[in-house]
């Protein structure tokens, strides 16, 4: 049981490290100001907390949870629009498209579904 808790803690720490690295990369690629970067980071943390509370809410059925998650994602998209400039949004969209194209052309790894 102690090993499982240690693994969970390590996984959580690695997720945080990866999130910070992605945020730094995004800051550089989109030319984000420190203020924009802080706002996006705050938004990410808030979103994670809300998602966690939704996952842990056992009184809500899956359909309602799904609806709440969609609503959160829409809110996230709107918040991003208010934080980023038009040029930054366009650049982000281009980056997403490039990422999807690269993902489609990669050979699948055995044992992976996606």
N, C-alpha and C. Protein backbone atom coordinates (compact mmCIF):
# COMPACT_ATOMS: atom_id res chain seq x y z
N UNK A 1 0.82 -1.20 0.00
CA UNK A 1 0.00 0.00 0.00
C UNK A 1 0.87 1.27 0.00
N UNK A 2 1.96 1.22 0.72
CA UNK A 2 2.88 2.35 0.76
C UNK A 2 3.50 2.64 -0.59
N UNK A 3 3.81 1.56 -1.33
CA UNK A 3 4.38 1.73 -2.67
C UNK A 3 3.38 2.38 -3.62
N UNK A 4 2.11 1.99 -3.51
CA UNK A 4 1.08 2.57 -4.37
C UNK A 4 0.95 4.06 -4.10
N UNK A 5 0.94 4.44 -2.84
CA UNK A 5 0.84 5.86 -2.50
C UNK A 5 2.06 6.63 -3.01
N UNK A 6 3.24 6.01 -2.90
CA UNK A 6 4.45 6.65 -3.39
C UNK A 6 4.38 6.84 -4.90
N UNK A 7 3.88 5.83 -5.62
CA UNK A 7 3.75 5.92 -7.07
C UNK A 7 2.76 7.02 -7.45
N UNK A 8 1.65 7.10 -6.71
CA UNK A 8 0.66 8.15 -6.99
C UNK A 8 1.27 9.53 -6.79
N UNK A 9 2.02 9.68 -5.72
CA UNK A 9 2.67 10.96 -5.43
C UNK A 9 3.66 11.32 -6.53
N UNK A 10 4.46 10.35 -6.93
CA UNK A 10 5.44 10.59 -8.00
C UNK A 10 4.75 10.95 -9.31
N UNK A 11 3.66 10.24 -9.62
CA UNK A 11 2.91 10.52 -10.86
C UNK A 11 2.36 11.94 -10.83
N UNK A 12 1.84 12.34 -9.67
CA UNK A 12 1.29 13.68 -9.52
C UNK A 12 2.39 14.73 -9.70
N UNK A 13 3.56 14.47 -9.12
CA UNK A 13 4.68 15.40 -9.25
C UNK A 13 5.13 15.51 -10.70
N UNK A 14 5.21 14.37 -11.38
CA UNK A 14 5.62 14.39 -12.79
C UNK A 14 4.60 15.13 -13.65
N UNK A 15 3.32 14.95 -13.35
CA UNK A 15 2.28 15.65 -14.10
C UNK A 15 2.44 17.16 -13.94
N UNK A 16 2.79 17.59 -12.73
CA UNK A 16 2.98 19.01 -12.47
C UNK A 16 4.21 19.53 -13.22
N UNK A 17 5.28 18.76 -13.23
CA UNK A 17 6.50 19.13 -13.96
C UNK A 17 6.18 19.25 -15.45
N UNK A 18 5.47 18.25 -15.97
CA UNK A 18 5.10 18.27 -17.40
C UNK A 18 4.22 19.46 -17.74
N UNK A 19 3.28 19.78 -16.85
CA UNK A 19 2.40 20.92 -17.09
C UNK A 19 3.20 22.23 -17.12
N UNK A 20 4.15 22.36 -16.20
CA UNK A 20 4.99 23.57 -16.19
C UNK A 20 5.83 23.67 -17.46
N UNK A 21 6.35 22.53 -17.90
CA UNK A 21 7.16 22.52 -19.12
C UNK A 21 6.31 22.91 -20.33
N UNK A 22 5.08 22.37 -20.40
CA UNK A 22 4.18 22.72 -21.52
C UNK A 22 3.85 24.21 -21.48
N UNK A 23 3.65 24.74 -20.27
CA UNK A 23 3.31 26.16 -20.13
C UNK A 23 4.49 27.03 -20.59
N UNK A 24 5.71 26.65 -20.23
CA UNK A 24 6.90 27.39 -20.67
C UNK A 24 7.04 27.35 -22.18
N UNK A 25 6.82 26.17 -22.75
CA UNK A 25 6.91 26.00 -24.20
C UNK A 25 5.87 26.89 -24.89
N UNK A 26 4.65 26.89 -24.35
CA UNK A 26 3.58 27.70 -24.92
C UNK A 26 3.91 29.18 -24.79
N UNK A 27 4.48 29.55 -23.64
CA UNK A 27 4.85 30.95 -23.41
C UNK A 27 5.84 31.42 -24.48
N UNK A 28 6.81 30.57 -24.79
CA UNK A 28 7.83 30.91 -25.79
C UNK A 28 7.22 30.93 -27.19
N UNK A 29 6.49 29.87 -27.54
CA UNK A 29 5.97 29.75 -28.90
C UNK A 29 4.92 30.80 -29.23
N UNK A 30 4.10 31.16 -28.25
CA UNK A 30 3.04 32.15 -28.51
C UNK A 30 3.46 33.57 -28.13
N UNK A 31 4.61 33.69 -27.49
CA UNK A 31 5.06 35.01 -27.06
C UNK A 31 4.16 35.58 -25.97
N UNK A 32 3.81 34.74 -24.99
CA UNK A 32 2.92 35.19 -23.92
C UNK A 32 3.65 36.13 -22.96
N UNK A 33 2.91 37.09 -22.45
CA UNK A 33 3.46 37.95 -21.40
C UNK A 33 3.39 37.17 -20.08
N UNK A 34 4.09 37.66 -19.07
CA UNK A 34 4.04 37.01 -17.76
C UNK A 34 2.61 37.01 -17.22
N UNK A 35 1.89 38.10 -17.45
CA UNK A 35 0.50 38.20 -16.98
C UNK A 35 -0.38 37.15 -17.66
N UNK A 36 -0.23 37.01 -18.98
CA UNK A 36 -1.01 36.01 -19.70
C UNK A 36 -0.67 34.60 -19.19
N UNK A 37 0.60 34.36 -19.01
CA UNK A 37 1.05 33.06 -18.54
C UNK A 37 0.45 32.74 -17.17
N UNK A 38 0.46 33.70 -16.28
CA UNK A 38 -0.12 33.51 -14.93
C UNK A 38 -1.62 33.24 -15.01
N UNK A 39 -2.30 34.00 -15.86
CA UNK A 39 -3.75 33.81 -16.01
C UNK A 39 -4.06 32.41 -16.54
N UNK A 40 -3.31 31.96 -17.54
CA UNK A 40 -3.52 30.63 -18.10
C UNK A 40 -3.21 29.55 -17.07
N UNK A 41 -2.17 29.75 -16.29
CA UNK A 41 -1.81 28.79 -15.26
C UNK A 41 -2.89 28.73 -14.18
N UNK A 42 -3.40 29.88 -13.77
CA UNK A 42 -4.48 29.92 -12.77
C UNK A 42 -5.72 29.20 -13.32
N UNK A 43 -6.02 29.45 -14.59
CA UNK A 43 -7.17 28.81 -15.23
C UNK A 43 -7.00 27.30 -15.25
N UNK A 44 -5.78 26.84 -15.56
CA UNK A 44 -5.50 25.40 -15.61
C UNK A 44 -5.71 24.78 -14.23
N UNK A 45 -5.20 25.43 -13.19
CA UNK A 45 -5.35 24.90 -11.83
C UNK A 45 -6.81 24.84 -11.42
N UNK A 46 -7.56 25.89 -11.73
CA UNK A 46 -8.98 25.92 -11.40
C UNK A 46 -9.72 24.79 -12.12
N UNK A 47 -9.39 24.61 -13.39
CA UNK A 47 -10.01 23.56 -14.19
C UNK A 47 -9.72 22.18 -13.60
N UNK A 48 -8.47 21.94 -13.21
CA UNK A 48 -8.10 20.66 -12.61
C UNK A 48 -8.89 20.39 -11.34
N UNK A 49 -9.04 21.41 -10.50
CA UNK A 49 -9.80 21.25 -9.26
C UNK A 49 -11.26 20.92 -9.54
N UNK A 50 -11.84 21.62 -10.50
CA UNK A 50 -13.25 21.38 -10.83
C UNK A 50 -13.45 19.98 -11.43
N UNK A 51 -12.51 19.57 -12.28
CA UNK A 51 -12.59 18.23 -12.88
C UNK A 51 -12.46 17.16 -11.80
N UNK A 52 -11.55 17.39 -10.87
CA UNK A 52 -11.33 16.43 -9.79
C UNK A 52 -12.60 16.30 -8.95
N UNK A 53 -13.21 17.41 -8.62
CA UNK A 53 -14.44 17.35 -7.81
C UNK A 53 -15.57 16.66 -8.58
N UNK A 54 -15.61 16.86 -9.89
CA UNK A 54 -16.62 16.16 -10.69
C UNK A 54 -16.39 14.65 -10.69
N UNK A 55 -15.13 14.26 -10.87
CA UNK A 55 -14.81 12.83 -10.87
C UNK A 55 -15.13 12.17 -9.54
N UNK A 56 -14.89 12.90 -8.46
CA UNK A 56 -15.12 12.35 -7.13
C UNK A 56 -16.58 12.40 -6.69
N UNK A 57 -17.40 13.11 -7.42
CA UNK A 57 -18.82 13.24 -7.07
C UNK A 57 -19.57 11.98 -7.50
N UNK A 58 -19.85 11.11 -6.56
CA UNK A 58 -20.54 9.85 -6.87
C UNK A 58 -22.06 9.99 -6.92
N UNK A 59 -22.59 11.14 -6.52
CA UNK A 59 -24.04 11.33 -6.55
C UNK A 59 -24.53 11.75 -7.94
N UNK A 60 -23.60 12.11 -8.81
CA UNK A 60 -23.97 12.58 -10.15
C UNK A 60 -23.84 11.42 -11.14
N UNK A 61 -24.85 11.26 -12.01
CA UNK A 61 -24.75 10.19 -13.01
C UNK A 61 -23.79 10.61 -14.14
N UNK A 62 -23.36 9.62 -14.91
CA UNK A 62 -22.35 9.85 -15.94
C UNK A 62 -22.79 10.87 -16.98
N UNK A 63 -24.06 10.85 -17.34
CA UNK A 63 -24.56 11.78 -18.35
C UNK A 63 -24.46 13.23 -17.85
N UNK A 64 -24.82 13.43 -16.60
CA UNK A 64 -24.73 14.77 -16.02
C UNK A 64 -23.27 15.21 -15.89
N UNK A 65 -22.40 14.27 -15.47
CA UNK A 65 -20.98 14.58 -15.38
C UNK A 65 -20.43 14.99 -16.74
N UNK A 66 -20.82 14.24 -17.76
CA UNK A 66 -20.37 14.53 -19.12
C UNK A 66 -20.80 15.93 -19.54
N UNK A 67 -22.03 16.29 -19.22
CA UNK A 67 -22.53 17.62 -19.55
C UNK A 67 -21.75 18.70 -18.82
N UNK A 68 -21.45 18.44 -17.55
CA UNK A 68 -20.68 19.41 -16.76
C UNK A 68 -19.27 19.58 -17.33
N UNK A 69 -18.67 18.46 -17.74
CA UNK A 69 -17.32 18.51 -18.31
C UNK A 69 -17.33 19.31 -19.61
N UNK A 70 -18.34 19.07 -20.46
CA UNK A 70 -18.45 19.84 -21.71
C UNK A 70 -18.58 21.33 -21.41
N UNK A 71 -19.37 21.64 -20.39
CA UNK A 71 -19.56 23.03 -20.00
C UNK A 71 -18.25 23.65 -19.53
N UNK A 72 -17.49 22.90 -18.74
CA UNK A 72 -16.19 23.39 -18.27
C UNK A 72 -15.23 23.62 -19.44
N UNK A 73 -15.26 22.72 -20.40
CA UNK A 73 -14.37 22.85 -21.56
C UNK A 73 -14.74 24.09 -22.38
N UNK A 74 -16.02 24.35 -22.53
CA UNK A 74 -16.46 25.55 -23.25
C UNK A 74 -16.03 26.81 -22.51
N UNK A 75 -16.19 26.78 -21.18
CA UNK A 75 -15.78 27.93 -20.38
C UNK A 75 -14.27 28.16 -20.52
N UNK A 76 -13.51 27.06 -20.53
CA UNK A 76 -12.06 27.14 -20.69
C UNK A 76 -11.71 27.79 -22.02
N UNK A 77 -12.42 27.37 -23.07
CA UNK A 77 -12.17 27.91 -24.41
C UNK A 77 -12.46 29.42 -24.43
N UNK A 78 -13.56 29.83 -23.81
CA UNK A 78 -13.91 31.25 -23.76
C UNK A 78 -12.89 32.06 -22.97
N UNK A 79 -12.43 31.49 -21.86
CA UNK A 79 -11.43 32.17 -21.05
C UNK A 79 -10.13 32.33 -21.83
N UNK A 80 -9.76 31.29 -22.56
CA UNK A 80 -8.53 31.37 -23.38
C UNK A 80 -8.67 32.49 -24.41
N UNK A 81 -9.86 32.59 -25.01
CA UNK A 81 -10.09 33.65 -26.00
C UNK A 81 -9.89 35.03 -25.38
N UNK A 82 -10.32 35.17 -24.13
CA UNK A 82 -10.21 36.48 -23.48
C UNK A 82 -8.78 36.80 -23.05
N UNK A 83 -7.94 35.76 -22.89
CA UNK A 83 -6.56 35.97 -22.45
C UNK A 83 -5.62 36.18 -23.63
N UNK A 84 -5.80 35.40 -24.70
CA UNK A 84 -4.89 35.46 -25.84
C UNK A 84 -5.32 36.52 -26.85
N UNK A 85 -4.35 37.05 -27.57
CA UNK A 85 -4.64 37.98 -28.66
C UNK A 85 -5.10 37.17 -29.87
N UNK A 86 -5.65 37.85 -30.87
CA UNK A 86 -6.07 37.16 -32.10
C UNK A 86 -4.90 36.42 -32.74
N UNK A 87 -3.74 37.08 -32.79
CA UNK A 87 -2.55 36.48 -33.39
C UNK A 87 -2.11 35.23 -32.60
N UNK A 88 -2.16 35.31 -31.28
CA UNK A 88 -1.78 34.16 -30.46
C UNK A 88 -2.75 32.99 -30.63
N UNK A 89 -4.04 33.32 -30.72
CA UNK A 89 -5.05 32.25 -30.94
C UNK A 89 -4.81 31.57 -32.29
N UNK A 90 -4.51 32.37 -33.31
CA UNK A 90 -4.25 31.81 -34.63
C UNK A 90 -3.02 30.91 -34.59
N UNK A 91 -1.97 31.36 -33.95
CA UNK A 91 -0.74 30.57 -33.82
C UNK A 91 -1.01 29.28 -33.05
N UNK A 92 -1.81 29.35 -32.00
CA UNK A 92 -2.14 28.17 -31.20
C UNK A 92 -2.92 27.16 -32.05
N UNK A 93 -3.83 27.65 -32.86
CA UNK A 93 -4.62 26.77 -33.73
C UNK A 93 -3.69 26.07 -34.74
N UNK A 94 -2.75 26.81 -35.28
CA UNK A 94 -1.78 26.22 -36.22
C UNK A 94 -0.95 25.14 -35.52
N UNK A 95 -0.56 25.41 -34.28
CA UNK A 95 0.22 24.43 -33.52
C UNK A 95 -0.59 23.16 -33.26
N UNK A 96 -1.86 23.33 -32.96
CA UNK A 96 -2.74 22.18 -32.73
C UNK A 96 -2.88 21.34 -33.99
N UNK A 97 -3.07 22.01 -35.11
CA UNK A 97 -3.21 21.30 -36.39
C UNK A 97 -1.93 20.54 -36.72
N UNK A 98 -0.81 21.18 -36.51
CA UNK A 98 0.48 20.53 -36.77
C UNK A 98 0.64 19.30 -35.87
N UNK A 99 0.28 19.45 -34.60
CA UNK A 99 0.38 18.34 -33.65
C UNK A 99 -0.51 17.17 -34.08
N UNK A 100 -1.72 17.47 -34.52
CA UNK A 100 -2.63 16.41 -34.97
C UNK A 100 -2.09 15.71 -36.21
N UNK A 101 -1.55 16.48 -37.13
CA UNK A 101 -0.98 15.88 -38.34
C UNK A 101 0.20 14.97 -38.00
N UNK A 102 1.05 15.42 -37.08
CA UNK A 102 2.20 14.61 -36.68
C UNK A 102 1.72 13.34 -35.99
N UNK A 103 0.70 13.46 -35.19
CA UNK A 103 0.17 12.30 -34.46
C UNK A 103 -0.44 11.28 -35.42
N UNK A 104 -1.08 11.76 -36.46
CA UNK A 104 -1.71 10.86 -37.43
C UNK A 104 -0.68 10.08 -38.23
N UNK A 105 0.49 10.66 -38.44
CA UNK A 105 1.50 10.01 -39.26
C UNK A 105 2.50 9.17 -38.47
N UNK A 106 2.35 9.15 -37.16
CA UNK A 106 3.24 8.32 -36.34
C UNK A 106 2.73 6.88 -36.33
N UNK A 107 3.64 5.92 -36.41
CA UNK A 107 3.19 4.52 -36.29
C UNK A 107 2.71 4.27 -34.87
N UNK A 108 1.69 3.45 -34.74
CA UNK A 108 1.16 3.14 -33.41
C UNK A 108 2.11 2.24 -32.65
N UNK A 109 2.16 2.48 -31.36
CA UNK A 109 2.97 1.63 -30.49
C UNK A 109 2.14 0.43 -30.09
N UNK A 110 2.74 -0.75 -30.06
CA UNK A 110 1.99 -1.94 -29.64
C UNK A 110 1.44 -1.76 -28.24
N UNK A 111 0.20 -2.16 -28.07
CA UNK A 111 -0.43 -2.07 -26.74
C UNK A 111 -1.10 -0.76 -26.46
N UNK A 112 -0.95 0.22 -27.34
CA UNK A 112 -1.60 1.52 -27.15
C UNK A 112 -2.85 1.60 -28.00
N UNK A 113 -3.92 2.12 -27.40
CA UNK A 113 -5.17 2.25 -28.13
C UNK A 113 -5.23 3.52 -28.96
N UNK A 114 -4.58 4.59 -28.48
CA UNK A 114 -4.67 5.84 -29.22
C UNK A 114 -3.35 6.31 -29.72
